PDB file of N, CA and C in Angstrom:
ATOM      1  N   UNK A   1      30.086   4.614 -12.781  1.00  0.00           N
ATOM      2  CA  UNK A   1      29.176   3.801 -11.991  1.00  0.00           C
ATOM      3  C   UNK A   1      28.306   2.989 -12.954  1.00  0.00           C
ATOM      4  N   UNK A   2      28.228   1.669 -12.760  1.00  0.00           N
ATOM      5  CA  UNK A   2      27.414   0.846 -13.655  1.00  0.00           C
ATOM      6  C   UNK A   2      25.922   1.154 -13.481  1.00  0.00           C
ATOM      7  N   UNK A   3      25.185   1.036 -14.561  1.00  0.00           N
ATOM      8  CA  UNK A   3      23.737   1.242 -14.525  1.00  0.00           C
ATOM      9  C   UNK A   3      23.050   0.026 -13.929  1.00  0.00           C
ATOM     10  N   UNK A   4      21.937   0.285 -13.211  1.00  0.00           N
ATOM     11  CA  UNK A   4      21.144  -0.803 -12.645  1.00  0.00           C
ATOM     12  C   UNK A   4      19.759  -0.773 -13.258  1.00  0.00           C
ATOM     13  N   UNK A   5      19.211  -1.933 -13.513  1.00  0.00           N
ATOM     14  CA  UNK A   5      17.832  -2.028 -13.976  1.00  0.00           C
ATOM     15  C   UNK A   5      16.927  -1.984 -12.753  1.00  0.00           C
ATOM     16  N   UNK A   6      15.849  -1.215 -12.835  1.00  0.00           N
ATOM     17  CA  UNK A   6      14.915  -1.084 -11.726  1.00  0.00           C
ATOM     18  C   UNK A   6      13.589  -1.708 -12.136  1.00  0.00           C
ATOM     19  N   UNK A   7      13.074  -2.618 -11.310  1.00  0.00           N
ATOM     20  CA  UNK A   7      11.810  -3.283 -11.575  1.00  0.00           C
ATOM     21  C   UNK A   7      10.800  -2.938 -10.483  1.00  0.00           C
ATOM     22  N   UNK A   8       9.545  -2.909 -10.860  1.00  0.00           N
ATOM     23  CA  UNK A   8       8.486  -2.701  -9.871  1.00  0.00           C
ATOM     24  C   UNK A   8       8.314  -3.949  -9.029  1.00  0.00           C
ATOM     25  N   UNK A   9       7.871  -3.723  -7.792  1.00  0.00           N
ATOM     26  CA  UNK A   9       7.631  -4.808  -6.843  1.00  0.00           C
ATOM     27  C   UNK A   9       6.239  -4.643  -6.250  1.00  0.00           C
ATOM     28  N   UNK A  10       5.510  -5.730  -6.120  1.00  0.00           N
ATOM     29  CA  UNK A  10       4.215  -5.678  -5.439  1.00  0.00           C
ATOM     30  C   UNK A  10       4.459  -5.920  -3.957  1.00  0.00           C
ATOM     31  N   UNK A  11       4.105  -4.930  -3.135  1.00  0.00           N
ATOM     32  CA  UNK A  11       4.304  -5.028  -1.688  1.00  0.00           C
ATOM     33  C   UNK A  11       3.103  -5.667  -0.990  1.00  0.00           C
ATOM     34  N   UNK A  12       1.889  -5.314  -1.410  1.00  0.00           N
ATOM     35  CA  UNK A  12       0.669  -5.838  -0.794  1.00  0.00           C
ATOM     36  C   UNK A  12      -0.329  -6.204  -1.877  1.00  0.00           C
ATOM     37  N   UNK A  13      -1.076  -7.274  -1.646  1.00  0.00           N
ATOM     38  CA  UNK A  13      -2.184  -7.674  -2.525  1.00  0.00           C
ATOM     39  C   UNK A  13      -3.169  -8.465  -1.679  1.00  0.00           C
ATOM     40  N   UNK A  14      -4.471  -8.179  -1.834  1.00  0.00           N
ATOM     41  CA  UNK A  14      -5.467  -8.870  -1.025  1.00  0.00           C
ATOM     42  C   UNK A  14      -6.823  -8.850  -1.716  1.00  0.00           C
ATOM     43  N   UNK A  15      -7.680  -9.759  -1.260  1.00  0.00           N
ATOM     44  CA  UNK A  15      -9.055  -9.842  -1.740  1.00  0.00           C
ATOM     45  C   UNK A  15      -9.999  -9.444  -0.615  1.00  0.00           C
ATOM     46  N   UNK A  16     -11.252  -9.216  -0.962  1.00  0.00           N
ATOM     47  CA  UNK A  16     -12.237  -8.578  -0.075  1.00  0.00           C
ATOM     48  C   UNK A  16     -12.317  -9.148   1.336  1.00  0.00           C
ATOM     49  N   UNK A  17     -12.243 -10.409   1.509  1.00  0.00           N
ATOM     50  CA  UNK A  17     -12.428 -10.988   2.839  1.00  0.00           C
ATOM     51  C   UNK A  17     -11.113 -11.155   3.594  1.00  0.00           C
ATOM     52  N   UNK A  18     -10.026 -10.639   3.041  1.00  0.00           N
ATOM     53  CA  UNK A  18      -8.717 -10.774   3.671  1.00  0.00           C
ATOM     54  C   UNK A  18      -8.267  -9.461   4.304  1.00  0.00           C
ATOM     55  N   UNK A  19      -7.392  -9.569   5.271  1.00  0.00           N
ATOM     56  CA  UNK A  19      -6.644  -8.425   5.770  1.00  0.00           C
ATOM     57  C   UNK A  19      -5.212  -8.668   5.337  1.00  0.00           C
ATOM     58  N   UNK A  20      -4.639  -7.776   4.529  1.00  0.00           N
ATOM     59  CA  UNK A  20      -3.291  -8.069   4.028  1.00  0.00           C
ATOM     60  C   UNK A  20      -2.256  -7.998   5.144  1.00  0.00           C
ATOM     61  N   UNK A  21      -1.330  -8.943   5.151  1.00  0.00           N
ATOM     62  CA  UNK A  21      -0.242  -8.821   6.119  1.00  0.00           C
ATOM     63  C   UNK A  21       0.618  -7.627   5.735  1.00  0.00           C
ATOM     64  N   UNK A  22       1.253  -7.010   6.706  1.00  0.00           N
ATOM     65  CA  UNK A  22       2.127  -5.876   6.417  1.00  0.00           C
ATOM     66  C   UNK A  22       3.350  -6.319   5.633  1.00  0.00           C
ATOM     67  N   UNK A  23       3.972  -5.381   4.968  1.00  0.00           N
ATOM     68  CA  UNK A  23       5.225  -5.625   4.260  1.00  0.00           C
ATOM     69  C   UNK A  23       6.344  -4.975   5.055  1.00  0.00           C
ATOM     70  N   UNK A  24       7.339  -5.751   5.451  1.00  0.00           N
ATOM     71  CA  UNK A  24       8.497  -5.225   6.168  1.00  0.00           C
ATOM     72  C   UNK A  24       9.640  -5.033   5.182  1.00  0.00           C
ATOM     73  N   UNK A  25      10.181  -3.827   5.147  1.00  0.00           N
ATOM     74  CA  UNK A  25      11.308  -3.550   4.264  1.00  0.00           C
ATOM     75  C   UNK A  25      12.524  -4.333   4.771  1.00  0.00           C
ATOM     76  N   UNK A  26      13.108  -5.171   3.903  1.00  0.00           N
ATOM     77  CA  UNK A  26      14.217  -6.007   4.364  1.00  0.00           C
ATOM     78  C   UNK A  26      15.502  -5.216   4.616  1.00  0.00           C
ATOM     79  N   UNK A  27      16.354  -5.783   5.439  1.00  0.00           N
ATOM     80  CA  UNK A  27      17.662  -5.203   5.724  1.00  0.00           C
ATOM     81  C   UNK A  27      18.453  -5.073   4.420  1.00  0.00           C
ATOM     82  N   UNK A  28      19.099  -3.933   4.236  1.00  0.00           N
ATOM     83  CA  UNK A  28      19.906  -3.708   3.048  1.00  0.00           C
ATOM     84  C   UNK A  28      19.150  -3.081   1.894  1.00  0.00           C
ATOM     85  N   UNK A  29      17.876  -2.772   2.110  1.00  0.00           N
ATOM     86  CA  UNK A  29      17.039  -2.195   1.044  1.00  0.00           C
ATOM     87  C   UNK A  29      16.270  -0.985   1.567  1.00  0.00           C
ATOM     88  N   UNK A  30      15.797  -0.165   0.635  1.00  0.00           N
ATOM     89  CA  UNK A  30      14.768   0.829   0.913  1.00  0.00           C
ATOM     90  C   UNK A  30      13.629   0.532  -0.053  1.00  0.00           C
ATOM     91  N   UNK A  31      12.412   0.710   0.420  1.00  0.00           N
ATOM     92  CA  UNK A  31      11.234   0.479  -0.416  1.00  0.00           C
ATOM     93  C   UNK A  31      10.611   1.830  -0.738  1.00  0.00           C
ATOM     94  N   UNK A  32      10.286   2.042  -2.001  1.00  0.00           N
ATOM     95  CA  UNK A  32       9.628   3.269  -2.432  1.00  0.00           C
ATOM     96  C   UNK A  32       8.214   2.891  -2.879  1.00  0.00           C
ATOM     97  N   UNK A  33       7.227   3.320  -2.108  1.00  0.00           N
ATOM     98  CA  UNK A  33       5.826   3.049  -2.456  1.00  0.00           C
ATOM     99  C   UNK A  33       5.422   4.072  -3.506  1.00  0.00           C
ATOM    100  N   UNK A  34       4.905   3.605  -4.646  1.00  0.00           N
ATOM    101  CA  UNK A  34       4.533   4.495  -5.740  1.00  0.00           C
ATOM    102  C   UNK A  34       3.034   4.491  -6.041  1.00  0.00           C
ATOM    103  N   UNK A  35       2.389   3.327  -5.943  1.00  0.00           N
ATOM    104  CA  UNK A  35       0.999   3.208  -6.386  1.00  0.00           C
ATOM    105  C   UNK A  35       0.194   2.347  -5.429  1.00  0.00           C
ATOM    106  N   UNK A  36      -1.055   2.764  -5.197  1.00  0.00           N
ATOM    107  CA  UNK A  36      -2.007   1.955  -4.429  1.00  0.00           C
ATOM    108  C   UNK A  36      -3.364   2.050  -5.117  1.00  0.00           C
ATOM    109  N   UNK A  37      -4.003   0.914  -5.289  1.00  0.00           N
ATOM    110  CA  UNK A  37      -5.320   0.830  -5.911  1.00  0.00           C
ATOM    111  C   UNK A  37      -6.221   0.010  -5.004  1.00  0.00           C
ATOM    112  N   UNK A  38      -7.350   0.592  -4.601  1.00  0.00           N
ATOM    113  CA  UNK A  38      -8.272  -0.062  -3.672  1.00  0.00           C
ATOM    114  C   UNK A  38      -9.645  -0.105  -4.327  1.00  0.00           C
ATOM    115  N   UNK A  39     -10.327  -1.234  -4.185  1.00  0.00           N
ATOM    116  CA  UNK A  39     -11.664  -1.426  -4.746  1.00  0.00           C
ATOM    117  C   UNK A  39     -12.622  -1.839  -3.642  1.00  0.00           C
ATOM    118  N   UNK A  40     -13.831  -1.286  -3.690  1.00  0.00           N
ATOM    119  CA  UNK A  40     -14.903  -1.692  -2.780  1.00  0.00           C
ATOM    120  C   UNK A  40     -16.131  -2.033  -3.607  1.00  0.00           C
ATOM    121  N   UNK A  41     -16.761  -3.138  -3.264  1.00  0.00           N
ATOM    122  CA  UNK A  41     -17.979  -3.546  -3.960  1.00  0.00           C
ATOM    123  C   UNK A  41     -19.193  -2.719  -3.585  1.00  0.00           C
ATOM    124  N   UNK A  42     -19.037  -1.828  -2.613  1.00  0.00           N
ATOM    125  CA  UNK A  42     -20.112  -0.925  -2.226  1.00  0.00           C
ATOM    126  C   UNK A  42     -21.068  -1.531  -1.219  1.00  0.00           C
ATOM    127  N   UNK A  43     -22.063  -0.730  -0.850  1.00  0.00           N
ATOM    128  CA  UNK A  43     -23.090  -1.191   0.067  1.00  0.00           C
ATOM    129  C   UNK A  43     -22.762  -0.999   1.534  1.00  0.00           C
ATOM    130  N   UNK A  44     -21.574  -0.479   1.829  1.00  0.00           N
ATOM    131  CA  UNK A  44     -21.186  -0.244   3.226  1.00  0.00           C
ATOM    132  C   UNK A  44     -20.247   0.948   3.288  1.00  0.00           C
ATOM    133  N   UNK A  45     -20.352   1.712   4.346  1.00  0.00           N
ATOM    134  CA  UNK A  45     -19.417   2.800   4.594  1.00  0.00           C
ATOM    135  C   UNK A  45     -18.100   2.178   5.048  1.00  0.00           C
ATOM    136  N   UNK A  46     -17.023   2.425   4.308  1.00  0.00           N
ATOM    137  CA  UNK A  46     -15.738   1.791   4.592  1.00  0.00           C
ATOM    138  C   UNK A  46     -14.641   2.843   4.634  1.00  0.00           C
ATOM    139  N   UNK A  47     -13.916   2.903   5.737  1.00  0.00           N
ATOM    140  CA  UNK A  47     -12.768   3.792   5.905  1.00  0.00           C
ATOM    141  C   UNK A  47     -11.492   2.977   5.739  1.00  0.00           C
ATOM    142  N   UNK A  48     -10.444   3.602   5.172  1.00  0.00           N
ATOM    143  CA  UNK A  48      -9.187   2.882   5.004  1.00  0.00           C
ATOM    144  C   UNK A  48      -7.999   3.820   5.185  1.00  0.00           C
ATOM    145  N   UNK A  49      -6.841   3.223   5.523  1.00  0.00           N
ATOM    146  CA  UNK A  49      -5.581   3.962   5.634  1.00  0.00           C
ATOM    147  C   UNK A  49      -4.439   3.115   5.094  1.00  0.00           C
ATOM    148  N   UNK A  50      -3.430   3.784   4.604  1.00  0.00           N
ATOM    149  CA  UNK A  50      -2.168   3.160   4.225  1.00  0.00           C
ATOM    150  C   UNK A  50      -1.094   3.918   4.992  1.00  0.00           C
ATOM    151  N   UNK A  51      -0.249   3.184   5.718  1.00  0.00           N
ATOM    152  CA  UNK A  51       0.684   3.861   6.614  1.00  0.00           C
ATOM    153  C   UNK A  51       2.000   3.113   6.744  1.00  0.00           C
ATOM    154  N   UNK A  52       2.963   3.825   7.318  1.00  0.00           N
ATOM    155  CA  UNK A  52       4.251   3.236   7.666  1.00  0.00           C
ATOM    156  C   UNK A  52       4.259   3.065   9.180  1.00  0.00           C
ATOM    157  N   UNK A  53       4.509   1.840   9.630  1.00  0.00           N
ATOM    158  CA  UNK A  53       4.537   1.492  11.057  1.00  0.00           C
ATOM    159  C   UNK A  53       3.214   1.805  11.768  1.00  0.00           C
ATOM    160  N   UNK A  54       2.104   1.791  11.060  1.00  0.00           N
ATOM    161  CA  UNK A  54       0.746   2.087  11.554  1.00  0.00           C
ATOM    162  C   UNK A  54       0.635   3.461  12.213  1.00  0.00           C
ATOM    163  N   UNK A  55       1.664   4.302  12.081  1.00  0.00           N
ATOM    164  CA  UNK A  55       1.654   5.635  12.693  1.00  0.00           C
ATOM    165  C   UNK A  55       1.668   6.745  11.654  1.00  0.00           C
ATOM    166  N   UNK A  56       2.483   6.604  10.659  1.00  0.00           N
ATOM    167  CA  UNK A  56       2.619   7.645   9.638  1.00  0.00           C
ATOM    168  C   UNK A  56       1.636   7.353   8.509  1.00  0.00           C
ATOM    169  N   UNK A  57       0.389   7.767   8.690  1.00  0.00           N
ATOM    170  CA  UNK A  57      -0.634   7.554   7.668  1.00  0.00           C
ATOM    171  C   UNK A  57      -0.382   8.520   6.520  1.00  0.00           C
ATOM    172  N   UNK A  58      -0.094   7.980   5.341  1.00  0.00           N
ATOM    173  CA  UNK A  58       0.144   8.874   4.203  1.00  0.00           C
ATOM    174  C   UNK A  58      -0.986   8.840   3.191  1.00  0.00           C
ATOM    175  N   UNK A  59      -1.985   7.965   3.393  1.00  0.00           N
ATOM    176  CA  UNK A  59      -3.172   7.987   2.547  1.00  0.00           C
ATOM    177  C   UNK A  59      -4.338   7.453   3.358  1.00  0.00           C
ATOM    178  N   UNK A  60      -5.444   8.143   3.285  1.00  0.00           N
ATOM    179  CA  UNK A  60      -6.666   7.707   3.957  1.00  0.00           C
ATOM    180  C   UNK A  60      -7.844   8.071   3.073  1.00  0.00           C
ATOM    181  N   UNK A  61      -8.893   7.291   3.170  1.00  0.00           N
ATOM    182  CA  UNK A  61     -10.071   7.564   2.363  1.00  0.00           C
ATOM    183  C   UNK A  61     -11.290   6.870   2.909  1.00  0.00           C
ATOM    184  N   UNK A  62     -12.399   7.071   2.196  1.00  0.00           N
ATOM    185  CA  UNK A  62     -13.668   6.489   2.623  1.00  0.00           C
ATOM    186  C   UNK A  62     -14.493   6.155   1.389  1.00  0.00           C
ATOM    187  N   UNK A  63     -15.049   4.949   1.388  1.00  0.00           N
ATOM    188  CA  UNK A  63     -16.027   4.569   0.373  1.00  0.00           C
ATOM    189  C   UNK A  63     -17.409   4.799   0.962  1.00  0.00           C
ATOM    190  N   UNK A  64     -18.312   5.339   0.175  1.00  0.00           N
ATOM    191  CA  UNK A  64     -19.653   5.654   0.660  1.00  0.00           C
ATOM    192  C   UNK A  64     -20.579   4.457   0.546  1.00  0.00           C
ATOM    193  N   UNK A  65     -21.694   4.526   1.245  1.00  0.00           N
ATOM    194  CA  UNK A  65     -22.666   3.442   1.233  1.00  0.00           C
ATOM    195  C   UNK A  65     -23.553   3.490  -0.013  1.00  0.00           C
ATOM    196  N   UNK A  66     -23.678   4.681  -0.616  1.00  0.00           N
ATOM    197  CA  UNK A  66     -24.612   4.842  -1.721  1.00  0.00           C
ATOM    198  C   UNK A  66     -24.145   4.193  -3.020  1.00  0.00           C
ATOM    199  N   UNK A  67     -22.854   4.277  -3.324  1.00  0.00           N
ATOM    200  CA  UNK A  67     -22.359   3.832  -4.623  1.00  0.00           C
ATOM    201  C   UNK A  67     -21.851   2.396  -4.584  1.00  0.00           C
ATOM    202  N   UNK A  68     -22.017   1.711  -5.693  1.00  0.00           N
ATOM    203  CA  UNK A  68     -21.456   0.378  -5.860  1.00  0.00           C
ATOM    204  C   UNK A  68     -20.168   0.473  -6.671  1.00  0.00           C
ATOM    205  N   UNK A  69     -19.324  -0.509  -6.546  1.00  0.00           N
ATOM    206  CA  UNK A  69     -18.093  -0.622  -7.331  1.00  0.00           C
ATOM    207  C   UNK A  69     -17.284   0.679  -7.327  1.00  0.00           C
ATOM    208  N   UNK A  70     -16.728   1.012  -6.178  1.00  0.00           N
ATOM    209  CA  UNK A  70     -15.926   2.226  -6.028  1.00  0.00           C
ATOM    210  C   UNK A  70     -14.436   1.891  -6.053  1.00  0.00           C
ATOM    211  N   UNK A  71     -13.662   2.791  -6.631  1.00  0.00           N
ATOM    212  CA  UNK A  71     -12.212   2.612  -6.729  1.00  0.00           C
ATOM    213  C   UNK A  71     -11.527   3.862  -6.199  1.00  0.00           C
ATOM    214  N   UNK A  72     -10.440   3.668  -5.452  1.00  0.00           N
ATOM    215  CA  UNK A  72      -9.603   4.779  -4.993  1.00  0.00           C
ATOM    216  C   UNK A  72      -8.175   4.483  -5.425  1.00  0.00           C
ATOM    217  N   UNK A  73      -7.474   5.519  -5.878  1.00  0.00           N
ATOM    218  CA  UNK A  73      -6.100   5.351  -6.331  1.00  0.00           C
ATOM    219  C   UNK A  73      -5.215   6.409  -5.694  1.00  0.00           C
ATOM    220  N   UNK A  74      -3.999   5.998  -5.350  1.00  0.00           N
ATOM    221  CA  UNK A  74      -2.983   6.910  -4.815  1.00  0.00           C
ATOM    222  C   UNK A  74      -1.733   6.757  -5.661  1.00  0.00           C
ATOM    223  N   UNK A  75      -1.143   7.867  -6.046  1.00  0.00           N
ATOM    224  CA  UNK A  75       0.131   7.878  -6.767  1.00  0.00           C
ATOM    225  C   UNK A  75       1.042   8.856  -6.043  1.00  0.00           C
ATOM    226  N   UNK A  76       2.248   8.427  -5.731  1.00  0.00           N
ATOM    227  CA  UNK A  76       3.164   9.305  -5.020  1.00  0.00           C
ATOM    228  C   UNK A  76       4.483   8.613  -4.766  1.00  0.00           C
ATOM    229  N   UNK A  77       5.173   9.069  -3.730  1.00  0.00           N
ATOM    230  CA  UNK A  77       6.447   8.465  -3.334  1.00  0.00           C
ATOM    231  C   UNK A  77       6.583   8.571  -1.826  1.00  0.00           C
ATOM    232  N   UNK A  78       6.589   7.433  -1.174  1.00  0.00           N
ATOM    233  CA  UNK A  78       6.884   7.355   0.262  1.00  0.00           C
ATOM    234  C   UNK A  78       7.962   6.294   0.435  1.00  0.00           C
ATOM    235  N   UNK A  79       8.918   6.566   1.312  1.00  0.00           N
ATOM    236  CA  UNK A  79      10.082   5.695   1.461  1.00  0.00           C
ATOM    237  C   UNK A  79      10.027   4.959   2.792  1.00  0.00           C
ATOM    238  N   UNK A  80      10.244   3.648   2.740  1.00  0.00           N
ATOM    239  CA  UNK A  80      10.389   2.832   3.947  1.00  0.00           C
ATOM    240  C   UNK A  80      11.861   2.501   4.111  1.00  0.00           C
ATOM    241  N   UNK A  81      12.356   2.726   5.298  1.00  0.00           N
ATOM    242  CA  UNK A  81      13.724   2.358   5.646  1.00  0.00           C
ATOM    243  C   UNK A  81      13.737   0.883   6.060  1.00  0.00           C
ATOM    244  N   UNK A  82      14.918   0.254   6.087  1.00  0.00           N
ATOM    245  CA  UNK A  82      14.996  -1.144   6.505  1.00  0.00           C
ATOM    246  C   UNK A  82      14.324  -1.356   7.867  1.00  0.00           C
ATOM    247  N   UNK A  83      13.490  -2.390   7.954  1.00  0.00           N
ATOM    248  CA  UNK A  83      12.799  -2.727   9.198  1.00  0.00           C
ATOM    249  C   UNK A  83      11.450  -2.050   9.366  1.00  0.00           C
ATOM    250  N   UNK A  84      11.142  -1.018   8.574  1.00  0.00           N
ATOM    251  CA  UNK A  84       9.839  -0.364   8.691  1.00  0.00           C
ATOM    252  C   UNK A  84       8.756  -1.201   8.022  1.00  0.00           C
ATOM    253  N   UNK A  85       7.522  -1.016   8.489  1.00  0.00           N
ATOM    254  CA  UNK A  85       6.394  -1.846   8.092  1.00  0.00           C
ATOM    255  C   UNK A  85       5.367  -1.024   7.311  1.00  0.00           C
ATOM    256  N   UNK A  86       4.994  -1.499   6.121  1.00  0.00           N
ATOM    257  CA  UNK A  86       3.935  -0.900   5.319  1.00  0.00           C
ATOM    258  C   UNK A  86       2.635  -1.617   5.659  1.00  0.00           C
ATOM    259  N   UNK A  87       1.594  -0.860   6.072  1.00  0.00           N
ATOM    260  CA  UNK A  87       0.360  -1.464   6.570  1.00  0.00           C
ATOM    261  C   UNK A  87      -0.857  -0.834   5.897  1.00  0.00           C
ATOM    262  N   UNK A  88      -1.771  -1.689   5.404  1.00  0.00           N
ATOM    263  CA  UNK A  88      -3.083  -1.240   4.938  1.00  0.00           C
ATOM    264  C   UNK A  88      -4.113  -1.703   5.957  1.00  0.00           C
ATOM    265  N   UNK A  89      -5.050  -0.821   6.311  1.00  0.00           N
ATOM    266  CA  UNK A  89      -6.111  -1.179   7.256  1.00  0.00           C
ATOM    267  C   UNK A  89      -7.427  -0.604   6.753  1.00  0.00           C
ATOM    268  N   UNK A  90      -8.510  -1.351   6.947  1.00  0.00           N
ATOM    269  CA  UNK A  90      -9.841  -0.844   6.613  1.00  0.00           C
ATOM    270  C   UNK A  90     -10.853  -1.464   7.565  1.00  0.00           C
ATOM    271  N   UNK A  91     -12.007  -0.799   7.679  1.00  0.00           N
ATOM    272  CA  UNK A  91     -13.062  -1.332   8.542  1.00  0.00           C
ATOM    273  C   UNK A  91     -14.180  -1.990   7.738  1.00  0.00           C
ATOM    274  N   UNK A  92     -13.878  -2.349   6.495  1.00  0.00           N
ATOM    275  CA  UNK A  92     -14.831  -3.051   5.640  1.00  0.00           C
ATOM    276  C   UNK A  92     -14.090  -3.788   4.543  1.00  0.00           C
ATOM    277  N   UNK A  93     -14.802  -4.601   3.759  1.00  0.00           N
ATOM    278  CA  UNK A  93     -14.145  -5.399   2.722  1.00  0.00           C
ATOM    279  C   UNK A  93     -13.649  -4.547   1.552  1.00  0.00           C
ATOM    280  N   UNK A  94     -12.415  -4.779   1.158  1.00  0.00           N
ATOM    281  CA  UNK A  94     -11.810  -4.131  -0.003  1.00  0.00           C
ATOM    282  C   UNK A  94     -10.897  -5.132  -0.700  1.00  0.00           C
ATOM    283  N   UNK A  95     -10.614  -4.881  -1.958  1.00  0.00           N
ATOM    284  CA  UNK A  95      -9.559  -5.569  -2.699  1.00  0.00           C
ATOM    285  C   UNK A  95      -8.481  -4.528  -2.941  1.00  0.00           C
ATOM    286  N   UNK A  96      -7.222  -4.946  -3.056  1.00  0.00           N
ATOM    287  CA  UNK A  96      -6.221  -3.926  -3.320  1.00  0.00           C
ATOM    288  C   UNK A  96      -4.865  -4.446  -3.731  1.00  0.00           C
ATOM    289  N   UNK A  97      -4.097  -3.517  -4.280  1.00  0.00           N
ATOM    290  CA  UNK A  97      -2.707  -3.740  -4.667  1.00  0.00           C
ATOM    291  C   UNK A  97      -1.906  -2.505  -4.292  1.00  0.00           C
ATOM    292  N   UNK A  98      -0.699  -2.713  -3.763  1.00  0.00           N
ATOM    293  CA  UNK A  98       0.222  -1.619  -3.461  1.00  0.00           C
ATOM    294  C   UNK A  98       1.582  -2.026  -4.030  1.00  0.00           C
ATOM    295  N   UNK A  99       2.167  -1.146  -4.837  1.00  0.00           N
ATOM    296  CA  UNK A  99       3.429  -1.487  -5.480  1.00  0.00           C
ATOM    297  C   UNK A  99       4.399  -0.319  -5.473  1.00  0.00           C
ATOM    298  N   UNK A 100       5.618  -0.606  -5.884  1.00  0.00           N
ATOM    299  CA  UNK A 100       6.662   0.406  -5.947  1.00  0.00           C
ATOM    300  C   UNK A 100       7.982  -0.236  -6.293  1.00  0.00           C
ATOM    301  N   UNK A 101       9.070   0.285  -5.695  1.00  0.00           N
ATOM    302  CA  UNK A 101      10.408  -0.206  -5.990  1.00  0.00           C
ATOM    303  C   UNK A 101      11.091  -0.659  -4.712  1.00  0.00           C
ATOM    304  N   UNK A 102      11.834  -1.751  -4.804  1.00  0.00           N
ATOM    305  CA  UNK A 102      12.671  -2.219  -3.708  1.00  0.00           C
ATOM    306  C   UNK A 102      14.118  -2.024  -4.179  1.00  0.00           C
ATOM    307  N   UNK A 103      14.800  -1.054  -3.587  1.00  0.00           N
ATOM    308  CA  UNK A 103      16.116  -0.650  -4.039  1.00  0.00           C
ATOM    309  C   UNK A 103      17.184  -1.008  -3.022  1.00  0.00           C
ATOM    310  N   UNK A 104      18.365  -1.317  -3.500  1.00  0.00           N
ATOM    311  CA  UNK A 104      19.502  -1.582  -2.622  1.00  0.00           C
ATOM    312  C   UNK A 104      19.859  -0.305  -1.883  1.00  0.00           C
ATOM    313  N   UNK A 105      19.970  -0.403  -0.557  1.00  0.00           N
ATOM    314  CA  UNK A 105      20.304   0.770   0.258  1.00  0.00           C
ATOM    315  C   UNK A 105      21.756   1.170   0.015  1.00  0.00           C
ATOM    316  N   UNK A 106      22.033   2.458   0.083  1.00  0.00           N
ATOM    317  CA  UNK A 106      23.405   2.930  -0.022  1.00  0.00           C
ATOM    318  C   UNK A 106      24.136   2.613   1.277  1.00  0.00           C
ATOM    319  N   UNK A 107      25.372   2.205   1.155  1.00  0.00           N
ATOM    320  CA  UNK A 107      26.126   1.895   2.370  1.00  0.00           C
ATOM    321  C   UNK A 107      27.138   2.962   2.691  1.00  0.00           C
TER     322      UNK A 107
END
């Protein structure tokens, strides 16, 4: 079997005043979410979630009102099947990046 090179892919990226659009895993691929980094400038209580299809929440957290410049990081492995949607949601301003691998699905 020939070897394949695997590259990281950025699935989501956004700035504080944005709500990132979801990432839909394309047909013929599986997406492996590996890393998420979220930043809050502080000053507000902010809750957030990262989920598949807005139902399977695999990471949730909260930034407190007391601290400024807070960062939350998630490292792991969650798999999206073709057609599934990766969604980040928060009730306050955050910046963030979510990345992983987009791999060819086995047929």
